[in-house]
N, C-alpha and C. Protein backbone atom coordinates (compact mmCIF):
# COMPACT_ATOMS: atom_id res chain seq x y z
N MET A 1 104.22 75.45 93.35
CA MET A 1 103.75 75.76 94.53
C MET A 1 103.01 77.16 94.71
N VAL A 2 103.79 78.41 93.95
CA VAL A 2 103.23 79.49 93.82
C VAL A 2 101.78 79.50 93.20
N GLU A 3 101.94 78.76 91.89
CA GLU A 3 100.77 78.64 91.04
C GLU A 3 99.77 78.16 91.78
N ARG A 4 99.82 76.84 92.61
CA ARG A 4 98.68 76.21 93.28
C ARG A 4 98.41 77.25 94.26
N GLU A 5 99.13 77.92 95.19
CA GLU A 5 98.67 78.90 95.91
C GLU A 5 97.81 80.37 95.38
N LEU A 6 97.87 80.69 94.29
CA LEU A 6 97.57 81.49 93.76
C LEU A 6 96.02 80.95 92.73
N GLU A 7 96.14 79.83 92.64
CA GLU A 7 95.17 79.51 91.56
C GLU A 7 93.79 79.82 91.65
N PRO A 8 93.32 80.01 92.95
CA PRO A 8 91.90 80.14 93.45
C PRO A 8 91.48 81.63 93.10
N TYR A 9 92.32 82.46 92.95
CA TYR A 9 92.42 83.74 92.72
C TYR A 9 92.52 84.17 91.04
N GLN A 10 92.91 83.72 90.41
CA GLN A 10 92.87 83.78 89.11
C GLN A 10 91.54 83.27 88.52
N ARG A 11 90.95 84.54 88.11
CA ARG A 11 89.76 84.52 87.24
C ARG A 11 89.20 85.16 86.42
N ASP A 12 88.52 84.86 85.11
CA ASP A 12 88.31 85.91 84.18
C ASP A 12 87.49 87.08 84.45
N GLY A 13 88.26 88.00 84.11
CA GLY A 13 87.43 89.41 84.50
C GLY A 13 88.00 90.02 85.73
N GLY A 14 88.75 89.40 86.24
CA GLY A 14 89.25 89.80 87.38
C GLY A 14 90.52 90.12 87.64
N PRO A 15 91.23 90.42 88.80
CA PRO A 15 92.67 91.01 88.91
C PRO A 15 93.36 90.10 88.27
N LYS A 16 94.54 90.71 87.51
CA LYS A 16 95.37 90.08 86.52
C LYS A 16 96.79 89.53 87.32
N ILE A 17 96.98 88.16 87.57
CA ILE A 17 98.28 87.84 88.25
C ILE A 17 99.33 87.19 87.29
N THR A 18 100.32 87.70 87.42
CA THR A 18 101.56 87.43 86.76
C THR A 18 102.48 86.47 87.60
N ILE A 19 102.85 85.37 87.12
CA ILE A 19 103.86 84.41 88.02
C ILE A 19 104.97 84.29 87.25
N LYS A 20 106.06 84.26 87.34
CA LYS A 20 107.39 84.25 86.72
C LYS A 20 108.69 83.82 87.67
N GLY A 21 109.18 82.78 87.19
CA GLY A 21 110.38 82.36 87.72
C GLY A 21 110.86 80.93 87.58
N PRO A 22 112.10 80.62 87.86
CA PRO A 22 112.68 79.51 87.40
C PRO A 22 112.01 78.16 88.11
N ASP A 23 112.36 77.01 87.55
CA ASP A 23 111.77 75.66 88.84
C ASP A 23 113.14 75.95 89.75
N VAL A 24 112.73 75.78 91.24
CA VAL A 24 113.58 75.43 92.26
C VAL A 24 113.65 74.72 93.22
N LEU A 25 114.11 73.84 93.51
CA LEU A 25 113.89 73.01 94.70
C LEU A 25 114.00 73.34 96.11
N LEU A 26 112.93 72.98 96.65
CA LEU A 26 112.94 73.59 98.15
C LEU A 26 112.78 72.71 99.19
N PRO A 27 113.93 72.72 100.15
CA PRO A 27 113.56 72.06 101.16
C PRO A 27 112.13 71.66 102.01
N PRO A 28 111.87 70.64 102.57
CA PRO A 28 110.74 70.57 103.07
C PRO A 28 109.90 71.81 103.81
N GLN A 29 110.89 72.19 104.74
CA GLN A 29 110.24 73.23 106.03
C GLN A 29 110.39 74.44 105.09
N CYS A 30 111.14 74.98 103.86
CA CYS A 30 110.97 76.14 103.40
C CYS A 30 109.71 75.97 102.50
N THR A 31 109.16 74.77 101.98
CA THR A 31 107.98 74.90 101.06
C THR A 31 106.83 75.13 102.02
N SER A 32 106.96 74.43 103.11
CA SER A 32 105.85 74.91 103.87
C SER A 32 105.68 76.15 104.51
N ILE A 33 106.58 76.53 104.67
CA ILE A 33 106.84 77.99 105.52
C ILE A 33 106.45 79.18 104.32
N LEU A 34 106.93 78.94 102.84
CA LEU A 34 106.62 79.80 101.79
C LEU A 34 105.16 79.81 101.80
N ALA A 35 104.48 78.44 101.21
CA ALA A 35 103.23 78.24 101.13
C ALA A 35 102.37 79.11 102.08
N MET A 36 102.53 78.77 103.33
CA MET A 36 101.88 79.72 104.42
C MET A 36 102.02 81.10 104.15
N THR A 37 103.08 81.57 103.81
CA THR A 37 103.41 83.16 103.69
C THR A 37 102.73 83.67 102.71
N LEU A 38 102.61 82.81 101.31
CA LEU A 38 102.08 83.27 100.06
C LEU A 38 100.47 83.29 100.39
N HIS A 39 100.03 82.10 101.26
CA HIS A 39 98.57 82.17 101.38
C HIS A 39 98.00 83.27 102.18
N GLU A 40 98.93 83.62 103.29
CA GLU A 40 98.55 84.89 104.01
C GLU A 40 98.75 86.55 103.11
N LEU A 41 99.89 86.43 102.44
CA LEU A 41 99.75 87.63 101.39
C LEU A 41 98.43 87.63 100.34
N ALA A 42 98.07 86.58 99.80
CA ALA A 42 96.96 86.59 98.92
C ALA A 42 95.70 86.70 99.82
N THR A 43 95.44 86.01 100.89
CA THR A 43 94.40 86.54 101.74
C THR A 43 94.27 87.99 101.90
N ASN A 44 95.24 88.58 102.67
CA ASN A 44 95.46 89.66 102.68
C ASN A 44 94.92 90.79 101.34
N ALA A 45 95.89 90.74 100.28
CA ALA A 45 95.61 91.19 99.02
C ALA A 45 93.86 91.04 98.62
N VAL A 46 93.28 90.09 98.83
CA VAL A 46 92.03 89.55 98.42
C VAL A 46 91.14 90.55 99.47
N LYS A 47 91.25 90.75 100.65
CA LYS A 47 90.48 91.42 101.50
C LYS A 47 90.89 93.05 101.60
N TYR A 48 92.09 93.46 101.14
CA TYR A 48 92.41 94.70 101.44
C TYR A 48 93.54 95.32 100.03
N GLY A 49 93.89 94.76 99.35
CA GLY A 49 94.79 94.86 98.50
C GLY A 49 94.54 94.81 96.91
N ALA A 50 95.12 94.59 95.97
CA ALA A 50 95.12 94.68 94.52
C ALA A 50 94.04 93.59 94.05
N LEU A 51 94.09 92.39 94.91
CA LEU A 51 92.89 91.37 94.52
C LEU A 51 91.75 91.38 95.11
N SER A 52 91.43 92.65 95.52
CA SER A 52 89.87 93.16 95.71
C SER A 52 89.46 94.09 94.69
N GLN A 53 90.30 94.44 93.70
CA GLN A 53 89.76 95.05 92.81
C GLN A 53 89.90 94.34 91.36
N ASN A 54 88.61 94.46 90.51
CA ASN A 54 89.12 93.69 89.39
C ASN A 54 89.97 94.46 88.49
N THR A 55 90.26 95.35 88.54
CA THR A 55 91.59 96.14 87.84
C THR A 55 93.10 96.08 88.70
N GLY A 56 93.04 94.99 89.60
CA GLY A 56 94.47 95.08 90.34
C GLY A 56 95.32 94.22 89.41
N GLN A 57 96.35 94.15 89.76
CA GLN A 57 97.40 93.39 89.30
C GLN A 57 98.32 92.99 90.56
N LEU A 58 98.93 91.84 90.46
CA LEU A 58 99.84 91.01 91.37
C LEU A 58 100.75 90.34 90.52
N GLY A 59 102.01 90.51 90.65
CA GLY A 59 103.25 90.15 90.15
C GLY A 59 103.96 89.47 91.38
N VAL A 60 104.38 87.94 90.92
CA VAL A 60 104.91 87.06 91.88
C VAL A 60 106.16 86.77 90.77
N SER A 61 107.55 87.06 91.81
CA SER A 61 108.55 86.54 90.70
C SER A 61 109.35 86.22 91.80
N TRP A 62 110.66 84.97 91.19
CA TRP A 62 111.60 84.72 92.29
C TRP A 62 113.00 84.46 91.32
N LYS A 63 113.93 84.32 91.84
CA LYS A 63 115.28 83.92 91.28
C LYS A 63 116.13 83.19 92.46
N THR A 64 117.23 82.65 92.12
CA THR A 64 118.07 81.96 92.94
C THR A 64 119.52 83.26 92.77
N GLY A 65 120.05 83.23 93.91
CA GLY A 65 121.14 84.25 94.13
C GLY A 65 121.91 83.63 94.76
N ARG A 66 123.15 84.52 94.86
CA ARG A 66 124.71 84.15 95.48
C ARG A 66 124.23 83.47 96.81
N GLY A 67 124.94 82.49 97.35
CA GLY A 67 125.09 81.92 98.44
C GLY A 67 123.84 80.70 98.74
N ASN A 68 123.41 80.36 97.40
CA ASN A 68 122.05 79.47 97.22
C ASN A 68 121.18 79.97 98.24
N ARG A 69 120.68 81.12 97.86
CA ARG A 69 119.20 81.57 98.48
C ARG A 69 118.28 82.18 97.30
N LEU A 70 117.15 82.05 97.86
CA LEU A 70 115.96 82.43 96.83
C LEU A 70 115.23 83.90 97.29
N LEU A 71 115.49 84.52 96.35
CA LEU A 71 114.87 85.88 96.46
C LEU A 71 113.19 86.16 95.59
N LEU A 72 112.46 86.24 96.60
CA LEU A 72 110.86 86.14 95.73
C LEU A 72 110.24 87.50 96.15
N VAL A 73 109.87 88.14 94.92
CA VAL A 73 109.21 89.47 95.13
C VAL A 73 107.91 89.46 94.97
N TRP A 74 106.68 89.81 95.57
CA TRP A 74 105.41 89.94 95.68
C TRP A 74 104.96 91.39 95.68
N GLU A 75 104.38 91.98 94.44
CA GLU A 75 104.29 93.22 93.95
C GLU A 75 103.01 93.40 93.54
N GLU A 76 102.07 94.21 94.27
CA GLU A 76 100.53 94.67 93.88
C GLU A 76 100.54 95.95 93.34
N ARG A 77 99.64 96.04 92.34
CA ARG A 77 99.65 97.27 91.86
C ARG A 77 97.99 97.69 91.49
N GLY A 78 97.28 98.62 91.45
CA GLY A 78 96.16 98.94 91.70
C GLY A 78 95.17 98.62 92.98
N ALA A 79 95.75 98.67 94.27
CA ALA A 79 95.13 98.33 95.16
C ALA A 79 94.32 99.59 95.78
N PRO A 80 93.40 99.33 96.39
CA PRO A 80 92.67 100.71 97.02
C PRO A 80 93.67 101.68 97.68
N ALA A 81 93.30 102.63 97.60
CA ALA A 81 94.21 103.85 98.68
C ALA A 81 93.94 103.42 100.18
N VAL A 82 94.76 103.73 100.51
CA VAL A 82 95.01 103.30 102.34
C VAL A 82 94.66 104.63 102.71
N PRO A 83 93.45 104.38 103.62
CA PRO A 83 93.29 105.87 104.33
C PRO A 83 94.10 106.31 105.84
N VAL A 84 94.62 105.19 106.21
CA VAL A 84 95.56 105.58 107.14
C VAL A 84 96.99 104.66 107.00
N ALA A 85 97.43 105.02 107.83
CA ALA A 85 99.14 104.43 107.32
C ALA A 85 99.05 103.09 108.06
N PRO A 86 99.80 102.23 107.71
CA PRO A 86 99.68 100.65 108.20
C PRO A 86 100.58 100.61 109.61
N LYS A 87 99.97 99.73 110.43
CA LYS A 87 100.40 99.78 111.84
C LYS A 87 102.23 99.43 111.65
N THR A 88 103.02 100.14 112.55
CA THR A 88 104.34 100.05 112.51
C THR A 88 104.66 98.38 112.96
N THR A 89 103.81 97.79 113.85
CA THR A 89 104.01 96.70 114.68
C THR A 89 103.71 95.37 113.77
N GLY A 90 102.95 95.70 112.87
CA GLY A 90 102.53 94.83 112.18
C GLY A 90 101.19 93.82 113.02
N GLY A 91 100.34 93.40 111.85
CA GLY A 91 99.21 92.44 112.68
C GLY A 91 99.83 90.98 112.55
N PHE A 92 98.96 90.11 112.84
CA PHE A 92 99.05 88.84 112.87
C PHE A 92 99.68 88.15 111.67
N GLY A 93 99.33 88.57 110.73
CA GLY A 93 99.92 87.87 109.25
C GLY A 93 101.43 88.58 109.27
N SER A 94 101.57 89.57 109.33
CA SER A 94 103.31 90.20 109.45
C SER A 94 103.73 89.27 110.46
N GLN A 95 103.10 89.26 111.74
CA GLN A 95 104.20 88.62 112.49
C GLN A 95 104.31 87.21 112.00
N LEU A 96 103.19 86.50 111.62
CA LEU A 96 103.45 85.19 111.13
C LEU A 96 104.55 85.15 110.16
N ILE A 97 104.46 86.10 109.12
CA ILE A 97 105.51 85.90 107.88
C ILE A 97 106.89 86.33 108.81
N ASP A 98 107.12 86.98 109.34
CA ASP A 98 108.30 87.44 109.85
C ASP A 98 108.54 86.19 110.57
N LYS A 99 108.08 85.48 111.49
CA LYS A 99 108.54 84.53 112.54
C LYS A 99 108.84 83.58 111.36
N GLY A 100 108.15 83.21 110.31
CA GLY A 100 108.11 82.01 109.76
C GLY A 100 109.66 82.13 108.79
N ILE A 101 109.83 83.43 107.86
CA ILE A 101 110.93 83.66 107.44
C ILE A 101 112.37 84.11 108.16
N ARG A 102 111.95 84.90 109.08
CA ARG A 102 113.26 85.28 109.84
C ARG A 102 113.88 83.97 110.83
N HIS A 103 112.91 83.45 111.72
CA HIS A 103 113.11 82.65 112.42
C HIS A 103 113.17 81.32 112.40
N ASN A 104 112.60 80.74 111.84
CA ASN A 104 112.62 79.49 111.07
C ASN A 104 113.25 79.28 110.14
N LEU A 105 113.57 80.07 108.78
CA LEU A 105 114.39 79.75 107.81
C LEU A 105 115.68 80.47 107.99
N GLY A 106 115.64 81.43 108.79
CA GLY A 106 116.84 82.54 108.68
C GLY A 106 117.10 83.24 107.54
N GLY A 107 115.88 83.62 106.94
CA GLY A 107 115.72 84.38 106.06
C GLY A 107 115.72 86.04 106.33
N GLU A 108 115.56 86.96 105.37
CA GLU A 108 114.88 87.96 105.53
C GLU A 108 113.90 88.62 104.72
N THR A 109 112.91 89.46 105.53
CA THR A 109 111.79 90.06 104.96
C THR A 109 112.07 91.78 104.56
N LYS A 110 111.35 91.99 103.57
CA LYS A 110 111.65 93.55 103.15
C LYS A 110 109.72 93.81 103.12
N VAL A 111 109.17 94.73 103.86
CA VAL A 111 107.81 95.12 103.22
C VAL A 111 107.67 96.44 103.06
N ASP A 112 106.99 96.93 102.13
CA ASP A 112 106.82 98.46 101.90
C ASP A 112 105.46 98.25 101.47
N PHE A 113 104.46 99.41 102.32
CA PHE A 113 103.17 99.56 101.63
C PHE A 113 103.25 101.15 100.59
N ARG A 114 103.15 100.66 99.40
CA ARG A 114 103.70 101.73 98.41
C ARG A 114 102.05 102.16 97.82
N PRO A 115 102.17 103.25 97.36
CA PRO A 115 100.85 104.03 97.24
C PRO A 115 99.96 102.91 96.22
N GLY A 116 100.41 102.22 95.45
CA GLY A 116 99.73 101.24 94.38
C GLY A 116 99.44 99.98 94.85
N GLY A 117 100.06 99.76 96.03
CA GLY A 117 99.89 98.16 96.82
C GLY A 117 100.93 97.88 97.66
N LEU A 118 101.04 96.39 98.06
CA LEU A 118 102.02 96.20 99.10
C LEU A 118 103.17 95.54 98.14
N TYR A 119 104.51 95.61 98.75
CA TYR A 119 105.58 95.51 97.93
C TYR A 119 106.39 94.30 98.98
N VAL A 120 106.51 92.91 98.82
CA VAL A 120 107.64 92.34 99.69
C VAL A 120 108.36 91.75 99.15
N GLU A 121 109.44 91.36 99.84
CA GLU A 121 110.81 90.99 99.27
C GLU A 121 111.16 89.85 100.32
N LEU A 122 111.19 88.39 99.89
CA LEU A 122 111.58 87.44 100.77
C LEU A 122 112.66 86.87 100.27
N ASN A 123 113.63 86.88 101.29
CA ASN A 123 115.12 86.57 100.82
C ASN A 123 115.68 85.37 101.69
N VAL A 124 115.52 83.85 101.26
CA VAL A 124 115.64 82.69 102.13
C VAL A 124 116.53 82.07 101.65
N PRO A 125 117.41 81.19 102.64
CA PRO A 125 118.69 80.30 102.38
C PRO A 125 117.78 79.10 101.65
N LEU A 126 118.17 78.54 100.62
CA LEU A 126 117.89 77.07 100.11
C LEU A 126 118.47 75.86 101.01
N THR A 127 119.45 76.17 101.92
CA THR A 127 119.91 75.42 102.82
C THR A 127 119.63 75.67 104.00
N PRO A 128 118.96 74.86 104.95
CA PRO A 128 118.39 75.05 106.08
C PRO A 128 119.79 75.24 106.96
N SER A 129 119.53 76.44 107.89
CA SER A 129 121.03 76.84 108.49
C SER A 129 120.98 75.49 109.92
N ASN A 130 119.96 75.27 110.20
CA ASN A 130 120.52 74.46 111.13
C ASN A 130 120.33 73.03 110.88
N GLU A 131 120.28 72.71 109.48
CA GLU A 131 120.88 71.35 109.16
C GLU A 131 121.78 71.64 107.70
N PRO A 132 122.99 72.13 107.76
CA PRO A 132 123.87 72.73 106.80
C PRO A 132 124.42 71.61 105.98
N ARG A 133 124.50 69.97 106.35
CA ARG A 133 124.82 69.12 105.66
C ARG A 133 123.50 67.98 105.20
N ALA A 134 122.66 68.21 105.85
CA ALA A 134 121.57 67.34 105.31
C ALA A 134 121.11 67.83 103.89
N LYS A 135 120.58 66.80 103.46
CA LYS A 135 120.05 66.79 102.07
C LYS A 135 118.45 66.32 101.94
N PRO A 136 117.48 67.22 102.40
CA PRO A 136 116.35 66.97 102.61
C PRO A 136 115.67 66.78 100.93
N ALA A 137 114.43 66.10 101.05
CA ALA A 137 113.62 65.74 99.82
C ALA A 137 113.37 66.91 99.24
N PRO A 138 113.71 67.33 97.82
CA PRO A 138 113.23 68.65 97.43
C PRO A 138 111.89 68.59 96.72
N ALA A 139 111.22 69.92 96.94
CA ALA A 139 109.91 70.22 96.36
C ALA A 139 109.92 71.16 95.39
N PRO A 140 109.37 71.12 94.17
CA PRO A 140 109.45 72.29 93.45
C PRO A 140 108.73 73.55 93.45
N VAL A 141 109.12 74.62 93.17
CA VAL A 141 108.46 76.07 93.39
C VAL A 141 107.06 76.12 92.88
N ALA A 142 107.44 75.98 91.23
CA ALA A 142 106.38 76.24 90.38
C ALA A 142 105.47 75.02 90.06
């Protein structure tokens, strides 16, 4: 899923994108929300972040952790300098990510606007909190 979402942005002479993580089976709701989240992050990176620069770099990595959780890290480097501080309330994309990850999946988000680019951590349960005993059809991450 990560490779599929970022494939349109990988081109010769363009920003370098590194994708690393094990195969993880995701519940369907988690798959769709993570896909929308990655799409939103990529769109913003192309407009304002590291993917707007030929020398930019994007690293996306993930691992599973304690409590059957997925930790996904999005890290941009080489983004243009941001002339003003980012909004503290977040824009539409930030609200979409927060609602999807926190409210729909019961996960956690960490967003940090670093000098070199955006850093985001998504920590989501791999078992839906509203369906603790259900076993949805899994979908692969990579």
